[in-house]
PDB file of N, CA and C in Angstrom:
ATOM      1  N   MET A   1     -13.230  92.143 150.553  1.00  0.00           N
ATOM      2  CA  MET A   1     -12.730  93.222 151.315  1.00  0.00           C
ATOM      3  C   MET A   1     -13.555  94.548 151.455  1.00  0.00           C
ATOM      4  N   GLN A   2     -14.726  94.564 150.929  1.00  0.00           N
ATOM      5  CA  GLN A   2     -15.789  95.371 151.444  1.00  0.00           C
ATOM      6  C   GLN A   2     -16.593  94.924 152.735  1.00  0.00           C
ATOM      7  N   ARG A   3     -16.642  93.541 152.824  1.00  0.00           N
ATOM      8  CA  ARG A   3     -17.151  93.015 154.247  1.00  0.00           C
ATOM      9  C   ARG A   3     -16.359  93.292 155.158  1.00  0.00           C
ATOM     10  N   ILE A   4     -14.822  93.506 155.227  1.00  0.00           N
ATOM     11  CA  ILE A   4     -14.048  93.604 156.206  1.00  0.00           C
ATOM     12  C   ILE A   4     -14.157  95.092 156.727  1.00  0.00           C
ATOM     13  N   LYS A   5     -13.926  95.938 155.501  1.00  0.00           N
ATOM     14  CA  LYS A   5     -14.101  97.264 155.548  1.00  0.00           C
ATOM     15  C   LYS A   5     -15.434  97.667 156.400  1.00  0.00           C
ATOM     16  N   ALA A   6     -16.383  96.928 156.133  1.00  0.00           N
ATOM     17  CA  ALA A   6     -17.874  97.363 156.661  1.00  0.00           C
ATOM     18  C   ALA A   6     -17.536  96.706 158.317  1.00  0.00           C
ATOM     19  N   VAL A   7     -16.924  95.716 158.651  1.00  0.00           N
ATOM     20  CA  VAL A   7     -16.696  95.189 159.888  1.00  0.00           C
ATOM     21  C   VAL A   7     -15.977  96.039 160.519  1.00  0.00           C
ATOM     22  N   HIS A   8     -15.300  96.604 160.128  1.00  0.00           N
ATOM     23  CA  HIS A   8     -14.075  97.673 160.785  1.00  0.00           C
ATOM     24  C   HIS A   8     -14.836  99.088 161.013  1.00  0.00           C
ATOM     25  N   ALA A   9     -15.635  99.281 160.211  1.00  0.00           N
ATOM     26  CA  ALA A   9     -16.249 100.706 160.132  1.00  0.00           C
ATOM     27  C   ALA A   9     -17.479 100.601 161.334  1.00  0.00           C
ATOM     28  N   LEU A  10     -17.865  99.282 161.530  1.00  0.00           N
ATOM     29  CA  LEU A  10     -18.927  98.807 162.679  1.00  0.00           C
ATOM     30  C   LEU A  10     -18.412  98.903 163.977  1.00  0.00           C
ATOM     31  N   ILE A  11     -17.148  98.231 163.853  1.00  0.00           N
ATOM     32  CA  ILE A  11     -16.426  98.426 165.279  1.00  0.00           C
ATOM     33  C   ILE A  11     -16.112  99.541 165.891  1.00  0.00           C
ATOM     34  N   ALA A  12     -15.162 100.517 164.926  1.00  0.00           N
ATOM     35  CA  ALA A  12     -15.260 101.973 164.869  1.00  0.00           C
ATOM     36  C   ALA A  12     -16.324 102.579 165.849  1.00  0.00           C
ATOM     37  N   ALA A  13     -17.320 102.635 165.000  1.00  0.00           N
ATOM     38  CA  ALA A  13     -18.518 103.015 165.355  1.00  0.00           C
ATOM     39  C   ALA A  13     -18.910 102.828 166.860  1.00  0.00           C
ATOM     40  N   GLY A  14     -18.890 101.313 167.410  1.00  0.00           N
ATOM     41  CA  GLY A  14     -19.120 101.009 168.455  1.00  0.00           C
ATOM     42  C   GLY A  14     -18.411 101.528 169.506  1.00  0.00           C
ATOM     43  N   VAL A  15     -16.820 101.529 169.318  1.00  0.00           N
ATOM     44  CA  VAL A  15     -16.120 102.066 170.515  1.00  0.00           C
ATOM     45  C   VAL A  15     -16.164 103.501 170.513  1.00  0.00           C
ATOM     46  N   ALA A  16     -16.494 104.289 169.308  1.00  0.00           N
ATOM     47  CA  ALA A  16     -16.672 105.919 169.723  1.00  0.00           C
ATOM     48  C   ALA A  16     -17.962 105.998 170.551  1.00  0.00           C
ATOM     49  N   ALA A  17     -18.986 105.171 170.382  1.00  0.00           N
ATOM     50  CA  ALA A  17     -20.133 105.432 170.820  1.00  0.00           C
ATOM     51  C   ALA A  17     -19.763 104.966 172.321  1.00  0.00           C
ATOM     52  N   SER A  18     -19.365 103.780 172.627  1.00  0.00           N
ATOM     53  CA  SER A  18     -18.964 103.522 174.122  1.00  0.00           C
ATOM     54  C   SER A  18     -18.238 104.793 174.684  1.00  0.00           C
ATOM     55  N   SER A  19     -17.405 105.158 173.961  1.00  0.00           N
ATOM     56  CA  SER A  19     -16.441 106.208 174.761  1.00  0.00           C
ATOM     57  C   SER A  19     -17.026 107.529 174.982  1.00  0.00           C
ATOM     58  N   LEU A  20     -18.255 107.823 173.984  1.00  0.00           N
ATOM     59  CA  LEU A  20     -18.928 108.925 174.487  1.00  0.00           C
ATOM     60  C   LEU A  20     -20.208 108.570 176.108  1.00  0.00           C
ATOM     61  N   MET A  21     -20.424 107.292 175.907  1.00  0.00           N
ATOM     62  CA  MET A  21     -21.140 106.971 176.958  1.00  0.00           C
ATOM     63  C   MET A  21     -20.581 107.190 178.173  1.00  0.00           C
ATOM     64  N   VAL A  22     -19.019 106.585 178.399  1.00  0.00           N
ATOM     65  CA  VAL A  22     -18.229 106.612 179.499  1.00  0.00           C
ATOM     66  C   VAL A  22     -18.059 107.862 179.902  1.00  0.00           C
ATOM     67  N   SER A  23     -17.645 108.927 179.163  1.00  0.00           N
ATOM     68  CA  SER A  23     -17.411 110.015 179.208  1.00  0.00           C
ATOM     69  C   SER A  23     -18.739 111.291 179.409  1.00  0.00           C
ATOM     70  N   ALA A  24     -19.670 110.601 179.377  1.00  0.00           N
ATOM     71  CA  ALA A  24     -20.826 111.578 179.697  1.00  0.00           C
ATOM     72  C   ALA A  24     -21.133 111.947 180.986  1.00  0.00           C
ATOM     73  N   GLN A  25     -21.308 113.157 181.615  1.00  0.00           N
ATOM     74  CA  GLN A  25     -21.216 113.721 182.947  1.00  0.00           C
ATOM     75  C   GLN A  25     -22.671 113.743 183.269  1.00  0.00           C
ATOM     76  N   PRO A  26     -23.097 113.365 184.392  1.00  0.00           N
ATOM     77  CA  PRO A  26     -24.469 113.498 184.906  1.00  0.00           C
ATOM     78  C   PRO A  26     -25.118 114.785 184.955  1.00  0.00           C
ATOM     79  N   ALA A  27     -26.114 115.015 184.757  1.00  0.00           N
ATOM     80  CA  ALA A  27     -26.640 116.232 184.907  1.00  0.00           C
ATOM     81  C   ALA A  27     -26.638 117.269 185.958  1.00  0.00           C
ATOM     82  N   SER A  28     -26.364 116.617 187.158  1.00  0.00           N
ATOM     83  CA  SER A  28     -26.346 117.223 188.473  1.00  0.00           C
ATOM     84  C   SER A  28     -25.550 116.233 189.291  1.00  0.00           C
ATOM     85  N   ALA A  29     -24.770 116.782 190.265  1.00  0.00           N
ATOM     86  CA  ALA A  29     -24.026 115.628 191.318  1.00  0.00           C
ATOM     87  C   ALA A  29     -25.158 115.635 192.282  1.00  0.00           C
ATOM     88  N   ALA A  30     -24.698 114.253 192.875  1.00  0.00           N
ATOM     89  CA  ALA A  30     -25.438 114.122 194.167  1.00  0.00           C
ATOM     90  C   ALA A  30     -25.185 114.711 195.584  1.00  0.00           C
ATOM     91  N   ASN A  31     -26.054 114.852 196.169  1.00  0.00           N
ATOM     92  CA  ASN A  31     -25.812 115.557 197.575  1.00  0.00           C
ATOM     93  C   ASN A  31     -24.961 114.761 198.227  1.00  0.00           C
ATOM     94  N   ASP A  32     -23.536 115.074 198.768  1.00  0.00           N
ATOM     95  CA  ASP A  32     -22.734 114.428 199.726  1.00  0.00           C
ATOM     96  C   ASP A  32     -22.503 115.070 200.725  1.00  0.00           C
ATOM     97  N   CYS A  33     -23.448 115.021 202.095  1.00  0.00           N
ATOM     98  CA  CYS A  33     -23.112 115.864 203.310  1.00  0.00           C
ATOM     99  C   CYS A  33     -23.064 114.952 204.164  1.00  0.00           C
ATOM    100  N   ASP A  34     -22.299 115.252 205.508  1.00  0.00           N
ATOM    101  CA  ASP A  34     -22.144 114.598 206.640  1.00  0.00           C
ATOM    102  C   ASP A  34     -22.104 115.361 207.680  1.00  0.00           C
ATOM    103  N   SER A  35     -22.391 114.601 208.906  1.00  0.00           N
ATOM    104  CA  SER A  35     -22.429 115.417 210.087  1.00  0.00           C
ATOM    105  C   SER A  35     -21.929 114.494 211.275  1.00  0.00           C
ATOM    106  N   ILE A  36     -21.251 114.960 212.459  1.00  0.00           N
ATOM    107  CA  ILE A  36     -20.794 114.017 213.581  1.00  0.00           C
ATOM    108  C   ILE A  36     -21.213 114.960 214.929  1.00  0.00           C
ATOM    109  N   ALA A  37     -21.385 114.378 215.856  1.00  0.00           N
ATOM    110  CA  ALA A  37     -21.000 115.082 217.076  1.00  0.00           C
ATOM    111  C   ALA A  37     -19.789 115.348 217.861  1.00  0.00           C
ATOM    112  N   GLN A  38     -19.272 116.306 218.227  1.00  0.00           N
ATOM    113  CA  GLN A  38     -18.084 116.384 218.930  1.00  0.00           C
ATOM    114  C   GLN A  38     -18.298 116.998 220.353  1.00  0.00           C
ATOM    115  N   THR A  39     -17.570 116.126 221.088  1.00  0.00           N
ATOM    116  CA  THR A  39     -17.834 116.330 222.639  1.00  0.00           C
ATOM    117  C   THR A  39     -16.573 117.367 223.381  1.00  0.00           C
ATOM    118  N   LYS A  40     -17.198 118.121 224.280  1.00  0.00           N
ATOM    119  CA  LYS A  40     -16.090 118.442 225.164  1.00  0.00           C
ATOM    120  C   LYS A  40     -16.313 118.355 226.443  1.00  0.00           C
ATOM    121  N   VAL A  41     -15.457 117.853 226.986  1.00  0.00           N
ATOM    122  CA  VAL A  41     -15.338 117.352 228.553  1.00  0.00           C
ATOM    123  C   VAL A  41     -15.427 118.630 229.461  1.00  0.00           C
ATOM    124  N   VAL A  42     -16.309 118.674 230.132  1.00  0.00           N
ATOM    125  CA  VAL A  42     -16.417 119.963 231.018  1.00  0.00           C
ATOM    126  C   VAL A  42     -16.599 119.334 232.523  1.00  0.00           C
ATOM    127  N   THR A  43     -16.882 120.391 233.487  1.00  0.00           N
ATOM    128  CA  THR A  43     -17.126 119.843 234.757  1.00  0.00           C
ATOM    129  C   THR A  43     -18.540 119.475 234.805  1.00  0.00           C
ATOM    130  N   GLY A  44     -19.266 118.598 235.254  1.00  0.00           N
ATOM    131  CA  GLY A  44     -20.553 118.436 235.345  1.00  0.00           C
ATOM    132  C   GLY A  44     -20.892 117.595 234.004  1.00  0.00           C
ATOM    133  N   TYR A  45     -21.846 117.979 233.116  1.00  0.00           N
ATOM    134  CA  TYR A  45     -22.171 117.204 232.189  1.00  0.00           C
ATOM    135  C   TYR A  45     -21.385 117.645 230.554  1.00  0.00           C
ATOM    136  N   ASP A  46     -21.016 116.661 229.889  1.00  0.00           N
ATOM    137  CA  ASP A  46     -20.311 117.200 228.602  1.00  0.00           C
ATOM    138  C   ASP A  46     -21.142 118.042 227.951  1.00  0.00           C
ATOM    139  N   GLN A  47     -20.799 118.752 227.067  1.00  0.00           N
ATOM    140  CA  GLN A  47     -21.134 119.433 225.995  1.00  0.00           C
ATOM    141  C   GLN A  47     -20.923 119.077 224.820  1.00  0.00           C
ATOM    142  N   LYS A  48     -22.078 118.989 223.831  1.00  0.00           N
ATOM    143  CA  LYS A  48     -21.208 118.514 222.585  1.00  0.00           C
ATOM    144  C   LYS A  48     -21.917 119.842 221.534  1.00  0.00           C
ATOM    145  N   ARG A  49     -21.770 119.500 220.329  1.00  0.00           N
ATOM    146  CA  ARG A  49     -21.803 120.410 219.120  1.00  0.00           C
ATOM    147  C   ARG A  49     -21.915 119.721 217.761  1.00  0.00           C
ATOM    148  N   VAL A  50     -22.393 119.964 216.697  1.00  0.00           N
ATOM    149  CA  VAL A  50     -22.496 119.344 215.599  1.00  0.00           C
ATOM    150  C   VAL A  50     -21.438 120.198 214.457  1.00  0.00           C
ATOM    151  N   ARG A  51     -20.779 119.028 213.619  1.00  0.00           N
ATOM    152  CA  ARG A  51     -19.838 119.881 212.705  1.00  0.00           C
ATOM    153  C   ARG A  51     -20.357 118.613 211.460  1.00  0.00           C
ATOM    154  N   ALA A  52     -20.368 119.656 210.467  1.00  0.00           N
ATOM    155  CA  ALA A  52     -21.224 119.346 209.260  1.00  0.00           C
ATOM    156  C   ALA A  52     -20.354 119.802 208.155  1.00  0.00           C
ATOM    157  N   ILE A  53     -20.371 119.056 207.114  1.00  0.00           N
ATOM    158  CA  ILE A  53     -19.827 119.276 205.854  1.00  0.00           C
ATOM    159  C   ILE A  53     -20.425 118.726 204.625  1.00  0.00           C
ATOM    160  N   CYS A  54     -20.082 119.424 203.362  1.00  0.00           N
ATOM    161  CA  CYS A  54     -20.692 118.887 202.385  1.00  0.00           C
ATOM    162  C   CYS A  54     -19.513 118.982 201.069  1.00  0.00           C
ATOM    163  N   ASN A  55     -19.392 117.535 200.704  1.00  0.00           N
ATOM    164  CA  ASN A  55     -18.525 117.393 199.590  1.00  0.00           C
ATOM    165  C   ASN A  55     -19.077 117.497 198.203  1.00  0.00           C
ATOM    166  N   ALA A  56     -20.247 117.554 198.191  1.00  0.00           N
ATOM    167  CA  ALA A  56     -21.074 117.863 196.752  1.00  0.00           C
ATOM    168  C   ALA A  56     -22.532 118.288 197.043  1.00  0.00           C
ATOM    169  N   LEU A  57     -22.840 119.556 196.545  1.00  0.00           N
ATOM    170  CA  LEU A  57     -24.281 119.829 196.685  1.00  0.00           C
ATOM    171  C   LEU A  57     -24.656 120.337 195.540  1.00  0.00           C
ATOM    172  N   ASN A  58     -26.257 119.602 195.112  1.00  0.00           N
ATOM    173  CA  ASN A  58     -26.829 120.135 193.892  1.00  0.00           C
ATOM    174  C   ASN A  58     -26.886 121.853 193.839  1.00  0.00           C
ATOM    175  N   ALA A  59     -27.077 122.211 192.774  1.00  0.00           N
ATOM    176  CA  ALA A  59     -27.382 123.655 192.451  1.00  0.00           C
ATOM    177  C   ALA A  59     -28.504 124.315 192.935  1.00  0.00           C
ATOM    178  N   ASN A  60     -28.429 125.490 193.572  1.00  0.00           N
ATOM    179  CA  ASN A  60     -29.444 126.004 194.070  1.00  0.00           C
ATOM    180  C   ASN A  60     -29.711 125.127 195.350  1.00  0.00           C
ATOM    181  N   ARG A  61     -29.033 124.659 196.413  1.00  0.00           N
ATOM    182  CA  ARG A  61     -29.353 123.995 197.360  1.00  0.00           C
ATOM    183  C   ARG A  61     -28.473 124.558 198.534  1.00  0.00           C
ATOM    184  N   LYS A  62     -28.829 124.585 199.730  1.00  0.00           N
ATOM    185  CA  LYS A  62     -28.248 125.037 200.821  1.00  0.00           C
ATOM    186  C   LYS A  62     -28.133 123.918 202.089  1.00  0.00           C
ATOM    187  N   ALA A  63     -27.183 123.694 202.979  1.00  0.00           N
ATOM    188  CA  ALA A  63     -27.335 122.796 203.832  1.00  0.00           C
ATOM    189  C   ALA A  63     -27.247 123.314 205.397  1.00  0.00           C
ATOM    190  N   LYS A  64     -27.432 122.997 206.328  1.00  0.00           N
ATOM    191  CA  LYS A  64     -27.002 122.898 207.676  1.00  0.00           C
ATOM    192  C   LYS A  64     -26.977 121.766 208.430  1.00  0.00           C
ATOM    193  N   GLY A  65     -26.040 121.737 209.256  1.00  0.00           N
ATOM    194  CA  GLY A  65     -26.116 120.457 210.231  1.00  0.00           C
ATOM    195  C   GLY A  65     -27.000 121.171 211.715  1.00  0.00           C
ATOM    196  N   THR A  66     -27.268 119.834 212.258  1.00  0.00           N
ATOM    197  CA  THR A  66     -28.217 119.721 213.571  1.00  0.00           C
ATOM    198  C   THR A  66     -27.622 119.013 214.497  1.00  0.00           C
ATOM    199  N   LEU A  67     -27.434 119.244 215.516  1.00  0.00           N
ATOM    200  CA  LEU A  67     -27.542 118.526 216.823  1.00  0.00           C
ATOM    201  C   LEU A  67     -28.710 118.346 217.351  1.00  0.00           C
ATOM    202  N   ILE A  68     -29.330 117.023 217.505  1.00  0.00           N
ATOM    203  CA  ILE A  68     -30.735 116.699 217.898  1.00  0.00           C
ATOM    204  C   ILE A  68     -30.850 116.475 219.252  1.00  0.00           C
ATOM    205  N   ARG A  69     -31.725 117.270 220.023  1.00  0.00           N
ATOM    206  CA  ARG A  69     -31.682 117.175 221.380  1.00  0.00           C
ATOM    207  C   ARG A  69     -33.291 117.066 221.704  1.00  0.00           C
ATOM    208  N   GLY A  70     -33.386 116.136 222.489  1.00  0.00           N
ATOM    209  CA  GLY A  70     -34.763 115.665 222.586  1.00  0.00           C
ATOM    210  C   GLY A  70     -35.563 116.446 223.915  1.00  0.00           C
ATOM    211  N   LEU A  71     -36.674 116.039 224.346  1.00  0.00           N
ATOM    212  CA  LEU A  71     -37.484 116.430 225.574  1.00  0.00           C
ATOM    213  C   LEU A  71     -37.613 117.991 225.596  1.00  0.00           C
ATOM    214  N   GLY A  72     -38.152 118.691 224.400  1.00  0.00           N
ATOM    215  CA  GLY A  72     -38.332 120.043 224.364  1.00  0.00           C
ATOM    216  C   GLY A  72     -37.025 120.896 224.593  1.00  0.00           C
ATOM    217  N   ASN A  73     -35.775 120.492 224.391  1.00  0.00           N
ATOM    218  CA  ASN A  73     -34.718 121.301 224.384  1.00  0.00           C
ATOM    219  C   ASN A  73     -34.322 121.654 222.943  1.00  0.00           C
ATOM    220  N   SER A  74     -34.074 122.941 222.813  1.00  0.00           N
ATOM    221  CA  SER A  74     -33.557 123.285 221.264  1.00  0.00           C
ATOM    222  C   SER A  74     -32.577 122.898 220.874  1.00  0.00           C
ATOM    223  N   ASP A  75     -32.338 122.377 219.439  1.00  0.00           N
ATOM    224  CA  ASP A  75     -31.641 121.790 218.448  1.00  0.00           C
ATOM    225  C   ASP A  75     -30.175 123.022 218.565  1.00  0.00           C
ATOM    226  N   ALA A  76     -29.228 122.245 218.408  1.00  0.00           N
ATOM    227  CA  ALA A  76     -28.054 123.144 217.963  1.00  0.00           C
ATOM    228  C   ALA A  76     -28.010 123.326 216.657  1.00  0.00           C
ATOM    229  N   ASN A  77     -27.650 124.226 215.783  1.00  0.00           N
ATOM    230  CA  ASN A  77     -27.564 124.269 214.378  1.00  0.00           C
ATOM    231  C   ASN A  77     -26.168 124.961 213.698  1.00  0.00           C
ATOM    232  N   THR A  78     -25.862 124.552 212.854  1.00  0.00           N
ATOM    233  CA  THR A  78     -24.695 125.166 212.197  1.00  0.00           C
ATOM    234  C   THR A  78     -25.645 126.599 211.295  1.00  0.00           C
ATOM    235  N   PRO A  79     -25.213 127.688 211.031  1.00  0.00           N
ATOM    236  CA  PRO A  79     -25.378 128.582 209.888  1.00  0.00           C
ATOM    237  C   PRO A  79     -25.954 127.687 208.779  1.00  0.00           C
ATOM    238  N   TRP A  80     -26.575 127.974 207.656  1.00  0.00           N
ATOM    239  CA  TRP A  80     -26.829 127.590 206.331  1.00  0.00           C
ATOM    240  C   TRP A  80     -25.695 127.847 205.780  1.00  0.00           C
ATOM    241  N   PHE A  81     -25.271 126.770 204.434  1.00  0.00           N
ATOM    242  CA  PHE A  81     -24.170 126.759 204.121  1.00  0.00           C
ATOM    243  C   PHE A  81     -24.203 126.459 202.738  1.00  0.00           C
ATOM    244  N   THR A  82     -23.246 126.757 201.604  1.00  0.00           N
ATOM    245  CA  THR A  82     -23.343 126.156 200.255  1.00  0.00           C
ATOM    246  C   THR A  82     -21.906 126.329 199.913  1.00  0.00           C
ATOM    247  N   LYS A  83     -20.802 126.451 200.721  1.00  0.00           N
ATOM    248  CA  LYS A  83     -19.608 126.227 200.361  1.00  0.00           C
ATOM    249  C   LYS A  83     -19.209 125.008 200.669  1.00  0.00           C
ATOM    250  N   LEU A  84     -18.241 124.317 199.479  1.00  0.00           N
ATOM    251  CA  LEU A  84     -18.071 122.789 199.648  1.00  0.00           C
ATOM    252  C   LEU A  84     -16.988 122.665 200.322  1.00  0.00           C
ATOM    253  N   LYS A  85     -16.825 121.520 200.985  1.00  0.00           N
ATOM    254  CA  LYS A  85     -15.495 120.924 201.669  1.00  0.00           C
ATOM    255  C   LYS A  85     -14.919 122.031 202.762  1.00  0.00           C
ATOM    256  N   THR A  86     -15.875 122.537 203.488  1.00  0.00           N
ATOM    257  CA  THR A  86     -15.461 123.392 204.659  1.00  0.00           C
ATOM    258  C   THR A  86     -16.313 123.137 205.872  1.00  0.00           C
ATOM    259  N   TYR A  87     -15.656 122.742 206.956  1.00  0.00           N
ATOM    260  CA  TYR A  87     -16.706 122.392 208.202  1.00  0.00           C
ATOM    261  C   TYR A  87     -17.329 123.496 208.702  1.00  0.00           C
ATOM    262  N   TYR A  88     -18.724 123.356 208.985  1.00  0.00           N
ATOM    263  CA  TYR A  88     -19.386 124.314 209.641  1.00  0.00           C
ATOM    264  C   TYR A  88     -19.873 123.605 211.353  1.00  0.00           C
ATOM    265  N   TYR A  89     -19.558 124.461 212.506  1.00  0.00           N
ATOM    266  CA  TYR A  89     -20.044 124.090 213.697  1.00  0.00           C
ATOM    267  C   TYR A  89     -21.202 125.010 214.281  1.00  0.00           C
ATOM    268  N   SER A  90     -21.889 124.338 215.365  1.00  0.00           N
ATOM    269  CA  SER A  90     -22.875 124.682 216.101  1.00  0.00           C
ATOM    270  C   SER A  90     -22.098 125.180 217.037  1.00  0.00           C
ATOM    271  N   ASP A  91     -22.912 125.981 218.105  1.00  0.00           N
ATOM    272  CA  ASP A  91     -22.703 126.259 219.523  1.00  0.00           C
ATOM    273  C   ASP A  91     -22.594 124.962 220.296  1.00  0.00           C
ATOM    274  N   TYR A  92     -21.788 124.904 221.468  1.00  0.00           N
ATOM    275  CA  TYR A  92     -21.806 123.860 222.137  1.00  0.00           C
ATOM    276  C   TYR A  92     -23.111 123.712 223.168  1.00  0.00           C
ATOM    277  N   LYS A  93     -23.552 122.667 223.439  1.00  0.00           N
ATOM    278  CA  LYS A  93     -24.978 122.616 224.301  1.00  0.00           C
ATOM    279  C   LYS A  93     -24.776 121.365 224.910  1.00  0.00           C
ATOM    280  N   THR A  94     -25.427 121.670 226.294  1.00  0.00           N
ATOM    281  CA  THR A  94     -24.985 120.698 227.600  1.00  0.00           C
ATOM    282  C   THR A  94     -25.824 119.472 227.361  1.00  0.00           C
ATOM    283  N   CYS A  95     -25.433 118.254 227.397  1.00  0.00           N
ATOM    284  CA  CYS A  95     -25.973 116.737 227.003  1.00  0.00           C
ATOM    285  C   CYS A  95     -26.407 116.209 228.533  1.00  0.00           C
ATOM    286  N   SER A  96     -27.281 116.132 228.733  1.00  0.00           N
ATOM    287  CA  SER A  96     -27.693 115.444 230.240  1.00  0.00           C
ATOM    288  C   SER A  96     -28.618 114.478 230.193  1.00  0.00           C
ATOM    289  N   PRO A  97     -29.038 113.784 231.284  1.00  0.00           N
ATOM    290  CA  PRO A  97     -30.240 112.908 231.546  1.00  0.00           C
ATOM    291  C   PRO A  97     -31.376 113.770 231.129  1.00  0.00           C
ATOM    292  N   LEU A  98     -31.424 114.827 231.549  1.00  0.00           N
ATOM    293  CA  LEU A  98     -32.767 115.873 231.401  1.00  0.00           C
ATOM    294  C   LEU A  98     -32.799 116.614 229.912  1.00  0.00           C
ATOM    295  N   ALA A  99     -31.605 116.764 229.031  1.00  0.00           N
ATOM    296  CA  ALA A  99     -31.394 117.263 228.337  1.00  0.00           C
ATOM    297  C   ALA A  99     -30.648 116.350 227.148  1.00  0.00           C
ATOM    298  N   PRO A 100     -30.841 115.463 226.593  1.00  0.00           N
ATOM    299  CA  PRO A 100     -30.461 114.462 226.187  1.00  0.00           C
ATOM    300  C   PRO A 100     -30.054 114.688 224.714  1.00  0.00           C
ATOM    301  N   CYS A 101     -28.810 114.555 224.145  1.00  0.00           N
ATOM    302  CA  CYS A 101     -28.326 114.757 222.788  1.00  0.00           C
ATOM    303  C   CYS A 101     -28.710 113.420 221.960  1.00  0.00           C
ATOM    304  N   GLN A 102     -29.393 113.608 220.845  1.00  0.00           N
ATOM    305  CA  GLN A 102     -29.729 112.298 220.461  1.00  0.00           C
ATOM    306  C   GLN A 102     -29.079 111.676 218.623  1.00  0.00           C
ATOM    307  N   GLY A 103     -28.178 112.689 218.561  1.00  0.00           N
ATOM    308  CA  GLY A 103     -27.581 112.597 217.225  1.00  0.00           C
ATOM    309  C   GLY A 103     -27.519 113.792 216.290  1.00  0.00           C
ATOM    310  N   THR A 104     -27.241 113.570 215.104  1.00  0.00           N
ATOM    311  CA  THR A 104     -26.991 114.689 214.318  1.00  0.00           C
ATOM    312  C   THR A 104     -27.820 114.566 212.928  1.00  0.00           C
ATOM    313  N   ARG A 105     -27.777 115.465 211.871  1.00  0.00           N
ATOM    314  CA  ARG A 105     -28.450 115.380 210.939  1.00  0.00           C
ATOM    315  C   ARG A 105     -27.814 116.346 209.746  1.00  0.00           C
ATOM    316  N   VAL A 106     -28.032 116.291 208.723  1.00  0.00           N
ATOM    317  CA  VAL A 106     -27.660 117.491 207.740  1.00  0.00           C
ATOM    318  C   VAL A 106     -28.975 117.661 207.167  1.00  0.00           C
ATOM    319  N   THR A 107     -29.567 118.796 206.971  1.00  0.00           N
ATOM    320  CA  THR A 107     -30.744 119.202 206.248  1.00  0.00           C
ATOM    321  C   THR A 107     -30.346 119.923 205.026  1.00  0.00           C
ATOM    322  N   ILE A 108     -30.999 119.690 203.971  1.00  0.00           N
ATOM    323  CA  ILE A 108     -30.735 120.369 202.692  1.00  0.00           C
ATOM    324  C   ILE A 108     -31.762 121.144 201.980  1.00  0.00           C
ATOM    325  N   GLU A 109     -31.870 122.276 201.582  1.00  0.00           N
ATOM    326  CA  GLU A 109     -33.239 122.957 201.104  1.00  0.00           C
ATOM    327  C   GLU A 109     -32.830 123.661 200.004  1.00  0.00           C
ATOM    328  N   SER A 110     -33.653 124.086 199.382  1.00  0.00           N
ATOM    329  CA  SER A 110     -33.611 125.134 198.001  1.00  0.00           C
ATOM    330  C   SER A 110     -32.920 126.445 198.736  1.00  0.00           C
ATOM    331  N   VAL A 111     -32.392 127.101 197.977  1.00  0.00           N
ATOM    332  CA  VAL A 111     -31.497 128.175 198.362  1.00  0.00           C
ATOM    333  C   VAL A 111     -33.025 129.336 197.846  1.00  0.00           C
TER     334      VAL A 111
END
């Protein structure tokens, strides 16, 4: 009987410990941000802008979206932001063979 009680106590302790491990939260969430290029069709060359959003952002971090343009042309950026689940946009820039748009990125820095 004593042995059965000891086994039950051991099982109960194991279940309690595993429940604690499952419910433990990480110290900080991972950054979860995304960006895409949006196109506006106009006469001549199309224009593009970046749309950026973060669904999770570590504490004391800020993010901004960038439309990457090559050949010495200035990139288009969203403002820096910390608010989650909100879209942020840059101004439209003309993309042409002389001023190509090469993609987007999200930059994350300390606040």
